[in-house]
Amino acid sequence: MINLLDLLIHPERFFSAQAGNEPDLKIPSAIAIAGAIIAAVAGYSLSGLYTELFAGAGGGIGAFMGIMGAVGAFIGFLIMWWLVMAGIFHVISVFFKGSGKFNRTLANTGYGLIPLIIGSIVTTLILFTYLPRITVPVIRDMQDTTALQKAMQELMQDPFMREYTQVSMIVSILFLIWSVNIWIFGVRQARGITLRQACITVIIPVAVYIIYMVYTLITGVSIPGGA
């Protein structure tokens, strides 16, 4: 069992208490999988929009996209927010002569996912309130790429869809900052670096991601290679 209060409010105390133990990935794995499940639920919930969007085309395309969205969200959460983020922290900390094992970096990064999971629950609940209010255009011919592009554009420009995107992004960023606070102390303890070095290690990749999120919201254009 873990001291959840210490982890969320006093992460330095939490990770200091973990320092004498061998890194155990069971609890961090469970935390990451729980987050992936919640992400999958949100991804699948959007299938209702795709079902309406492709209703005129038939063939169950909307349902298929919903399932793919759920699977993609599940895998994406595990890979991006746990494995990749831990890897980035580990690599950046090498420049500060970090000496701890990757297993401990991975474990401590997993612990820091809890605020992100809370944020995912909040944004998913918000999604449920917006879904009935979003107006979805109908695509009747999948071969008509112009109509397909126009319908997707209309969907993303729907006032309620845009409002949901903005609200969910703000909520996500707030909870991400909470995770950052935990990760800083987790990386510091895992890699044996100073607090300042841990701040740089964690804040750089997270800041890049936040800039990416804001950029896509403002411009509506995804950066090549972005998630």
Protein backbone atom coordinates (compact mmCIF):
# COMPACT_ATOMS: atom_id res chain seq x y z
CA MET A 1 0.00 0.00 0.00
CA ILE A 2 1.12 3.62 -0.52
CA ASN A 3 0.56 6.76 1.50
CA LEU A 4 -1.70 8.51 -1.01
CA LEU A 5 -1.89 11.75 0.98
CA ASP A 6 1.88 12.06 1.10
CA LEU A 7 2.18 11.21 -2.59
CA LEU A 8 -0.31 13.85 -3.70
CA ILE A 9 0.48 16.61 -1.20
CA HIS A 10 3.96 15.87 0.20
CA PRO A 11 5.72 14.02 -2.65
CA GLU A 12 9.19 14.75 -1.27
CA ARG A 13 8.30 12.93 1.94
CA PHE A 14 6.69 10.09 0.00
CA PHE A 15 9.68 9.44 -2.25
CA SER A 16 12.15 9.83 0.61
CA ALA A 17 10.35 7.01 2.39
CA GLN A 18 10.63 4.89 -0.79
CA ALA A 19 14.38 5.50 -1.15
CA GLY A 20 15.47 2.54 0.96
CA ASN A 21 13.29 0.03 -0.90
CA GLU A 22 13.92 -1.76 -4.17
CA PRO A 23 11.78 -0.23 -6.95
CA ASP A 24 8.53 -2.17 -7.30
CA LEU A 25 6.56 -1.65 -10.52
CA LYS A 26 3.35 -3.41 -9.44
CA ILE A 27 1.57 -0.35 -8.03
CA PRO A 28 2.84 2.09 -10.70
CA SER A 29 1.75 -0.41 -13.37
CA ALA A 30 -1.73 -0.61 -11.83
CA ILE A 31 -1.91 3.19 -11.74
CA ALA A 32 -0.86 3.47 -15.40
CA ILE A 33 -3.34 0.78 -16.51
CA ALA A 34 -6.15 2.52 -14.60
CA GLY A 35 -5.32 5.74 -16.42
CA ALA A 36 -5.25 3.92 -19.76
CA ILE A 37 -8.70 2.44 -19.10
CA ILE A 38 -10.16 5.86 -18.34
CA ALA A 39 -8.56 7.26 -21.50
CA ALA A 40 -10.10 4.37 -23.46
CA VAL A 41 -13.55 5.12 -22.03
CA ALA A 42 -13.25 8.73 -23.20
CA GLY A 43 -12.01 7.59 -26.61
CA TYR A 44 -14.90 5.17 -27.02
CA SER A 45 -17.43 7.76 -25.84
CA LEU A 46 -16.51 9.85 -28.86
CA SER A 47 -17.66 6.95 -31.06
CA GLY A 48 -21.18 8.35 -30.79
CA LEU A 49 -20.05 11.38 -32.77
CA TYR A 50 -18.36 9.22 -35.40
CA THR A 51 -21.42 6.99 -35.66
CA GLU A 52 -23.56 10.03 -36.49
CA LEU A 53 -20.89 11.48 -38.77
CA PHE A 54 -20.74 8.34 -40.93
CA ALA A 55 -24.38 7.33 -40.54
CA GLY A 56 -25.14 8.01 -44.19
CA ALA A 57 -22.16 5.94 -45.40
CA GLY A 58 -23.22 2.75 -43.60
CA GLY A 59 -20.99 -0.20 -42.89
CA GLY A 60 -20.46 0.48 -39.21
CA ILE A 61 -17.53 2.80 -39.89
CA GLY A 62 -18.37 5.02 -36.92
CA ALA A 63 -18.39 2.11 -34.48
CA PHE A 64 -15.11 0.83 -35.87
CA MET A 65 -13.50 4.25 -35.43
CA GLY A 66 -14.81 4.38 -31.88
CA ILE A 67 -13.21 1.05 -31.04
CA MET A 68 -9.96 2.09 -32.67
CA GLY A 69 -10.11 5.34 -30.73
CA ALA A 70 -10.51 3.45 -27.47
CA VAL A 71 -7.63 1.08 -28.24
CA GLY A 72 -5.44 3.97 -29.38
CA ALA A 73 -6.20 5.98 -26.24
CA PHE A 74 -5.43 2.98 -24.01
CA ILE A 75 -2.09 2.23 -25.64
CA GLY A 76 -1.27 5.91 -26.05
CA PHE A 77 -1.69 6.64 -22.35
CA LEU A 78 0.56 3.75 -21.35
CA ILE A 79 3.25 4.54 -23.89
CA MET A 80 3.27 8.33 -23.86
CA TRP A 81 2.51 9.24 -20.27
CA TRP A 82 4.36 6.41 -18.60
CA LEU A 83 7.04 4.74 -20.73
CA VAL A 84 8.02 7.66 -22.98
CA MET A 85 7.81 10.28 -20.23
CA ALA A 86 9.93 8.16 -17.89
CA GLY A 87 12.42 7.61 -20.71
CA ILE A 88 12.65 11.34 -21.42
CA PHE A 89 13.17 12.13 -17.73
CA HIS A 90 15.86 9.47 -17.53
CA VAL A 91 17.69 10.69 -20.63
CA ILE A 92 17.60 14.39 -19.70
CA SER A 93 18.85 13.60 -16.19
CA VAL A 94 21.90 11.90 -17.74
CA PHE A 95 23.20 15.39 -18.54
CA PHE A 96 23.12 16.10 -14.79
CA LYS A 97 25.01 12.87 -14.11
CA GLY A 98 21.94 11.08 -12.78
CA SER A 99 22.88 7.68 -11.43
CA GLY A 100 19.71 5.80 -10.48
CA LYS A 101 18.27 2.80 -12.33
CA PHE A 102 15.59 3.22 -14.99
CA ASN A 103 13.24 0.93 -13.04
CA ARG A 104 13.06 3.49 -10.24
CA THR A 105 12.52 6.35 -12.71
CA LEU A 106 9.73 4.29 -14.29
CA ALA A 107 8.16 3.52 -10.92
CA ASN A 108 8.26 7.12 -9.71
CA THR A 109 6.88 8.39 -13.00
CA GLY A 110 4.00 5.92 -12.63
CA TYR A 111 3.19 7.24 -9.16
CA GLY A 112 3.03 10.74 -10.60
CA LEU A 113 0.26 9.75 -13.01
CA ILE A 114 -2.44 9.87 -10.33
CA PRO A 115 -3.30 13.58 -10.81
CA LEU A 116 -3.45 12.99 -14.58
CA ILE A 117 -5.93 10.18 -13.95
CA ILE A 118 -8.07 12.41 -11.76
CA GLY A 119 -7.98 15.01 -14.53
CA SER A 120 -9.00 12.36 -17.08
CA ILE A 121 -12.02 11.42 -14.98
CA VAL A 122 -13.05 15.08 -14.76
CA THR A 123 -12.65 15.70 -18.51
CA THR A 124 -14.53 12.48 -19.32
CA LEU A 125 -17.45 13.58 -17.15
CA ILE A 126 -17.36 16.97 -18.87
CA LEU A 127 -17.41 15.16 -22.24
CA PHE A 128 -20.63 13.38 -21.29
CA THR A 129 -22.32 16.76 -20.66
CA TYR A 130 -21.22 18.14 -24.03
CA LEU A 131 -21.88 15.14 -26.30
CA PRO A 132 -25.70 15.62 -26.58
CA ARG A 133 -25.23 19.29 -27.52
CA ILE A 134 -22.75 18.83 -30.36
CA THR A 135 -24.23 19.07 -33.86
CA VAL A 136 -22.75 16.42 -36.12
CA PRO A 137 -22.86 16.70 -39.95
CA VAL A 138 -23.61 13.52 -41.89
CA ILE A 139 -21.27 12.05 -44.51
CA ARG A 140 -23.06 10.10 -47.24
CA ASP A 141 -20.22 9.29 -49.61
CA MET A 142 -16.88 8.09 -48.23
CA GLN A 143 -15.32 8.54 -51.68
CA ASP A 144 -16.00 12.28 -51.66
CA THR A 145 -12.85 13.51 -49.93
CA THR A 146 -13.90 17.16 -50.19
CA ALA A 147 -17.18 16.50 -48.40
CA LEU A 148 -15.37 14.33 -45.86
CA GLN A 149 -12.87 17.07 -45.06
CA LYS A 150 -15.62 19.69 -44.88
CA ALA A 151 -17.73 17.57 -42.50
CA MET A 152 -14.77 16.93 -40.20
CA GLN A 153 -14.03 20.65 -40.21
CA GLU A 154 -17.64 21.46 -39.35
CA LEU A 155 -17.57 18.98 -36.49
CA MET A 156 -14.41 20.45 -34.98
CA GLN A 157 -15.73 24.00 -35.45
CA ASP A 158 -19.04 23.25 -33.73
CA PRO A 159 -19.35 25.78 -30.84
CA PHE A 160 -19.92 23.09 -28.21
CA MET A 161 -17.12 20.93 -29.59
CA ARG A 162 -14.71 23.86 -29.45
CA GLU A 163 -15.90 24.81 -25.97
CA TYR A 164 -15.40 21.26 -24.74
CA THR A 165 -11.91 21.18 -26.28
CA GLN A 166 -10.98 24.43 -24.55
CA VAL A 167 -12.42 23.45 -21.16
CA SER A 168 -10.89 19.97 -21.23
CA MET A 169 -7.50 21.41 -22.20
CA ILE A 170 -7.52 23.84 -19.28
CA VAL A 171 -8.50 21.07 -16.86
CA SER A 172 -5.86 18.73 -18.30
CA ILE A 173 -3.11 21.35 -17.98
CA LEU A 174 -4.02 22.07 -14.35
CA PHE A 175 -3.83 18.41 -13.38
CA LEU A 176 -0.69 17.96 -15.49
CA ILE A 177 0.99 20.69 -13.42
CA TRP A 178 0.04 18.73 -10.30
CA SER A 179 1.71 15.65 -11.79
CA VAL A 180 4.78 17.77 -12.60
CA ASN A 181 5.13 18.62 -8.91
CA ILE A 182 5.16 14.91 -8.06
CA TRP A 183 7.48 13.98 -10.92
CA ILE A 184 10.06 16.56 -9.89
CA PHE A 185 10.54 14.94 -6.49
CA GLY A 186 10.23 11.46 -7.98
CA VAL A 187 12.96 12.09 -10.54
CA ARG A 188 15.14 13.80 -7.97
CA GLN A 189 14.99 10.75 -5.71
CA ALA A 190 15.26 8.22 -8.56
CA ARG A 191 18.27 9.80 -10.23
CA GLY A 192 20.11 11.35 -7.29
CA ILE A 193 20.13 14.88 -8.74
CA THR A 194 19.45 18.29 -7.19
CA LEU A 195 15.99 19.84 -6.98
CA ARG A 196 16.93 22.45 -9.59
CA GLN A 197 18.16 19.76 -11.97
CA ALA A 198 15.01 17.71 -11.40
CA CYS A 199 12.87 20.79 -12.18
CA ILE A 200 14.68 21.29 -15.49
CA THR A 201 14.44 17.56 -16.30
CA VAL A 202 10.68 17.45 -15.81
CA ILE A 203 9.55 20.91 -16.86
CA ILE A 204 11.24 20.96 -20.29
CA PRO A 205 9.30 18.05 -21.89
CA VAL A 206 6.04 18.98 -20.18
CA ALA A 207 6.35 22.62 -21.31
CA VAL A 208 6.92 21.44 -24.89
CA TYR A 209 3.76 19.32 -24.70
CA ILE A 210 1.68 22.19 -23.25
CA ILE A 211 2.91 24.52 -26.02
CA TYR A 212 1.92 21.85 -28.54
CA MET A 213 -1.58 21.59 -27.02
CA VAL A 214 -2.12 25.36 -27.08
CA TYR A 215 -0.76 25.60 -30.64
CA THR A 216 -3.17 22.97 -31.95
CA LEU A 217 -6.09 24.62 -30.14
CA ILE A 218 -5.35 28.06 -31.59
CA THR A 219 -4.43 27.02 -35.12
CA GLY A 220 -6.32 23.76 -35.49
CA VAL A 221 -3.22 22.35 -37.19
CA SER A 222 -1.37 19.39 -35.71
CA ILE A 223 2.40 19.50 -35.55
CA PRO A 224 3.79 16.65 -37.72
CA GLY A 225 4.52 13.68 -35.51
CA GLY A 226 2.37 15.03 -32.69
CA ALA A 227 0.01 12.81 -30.71
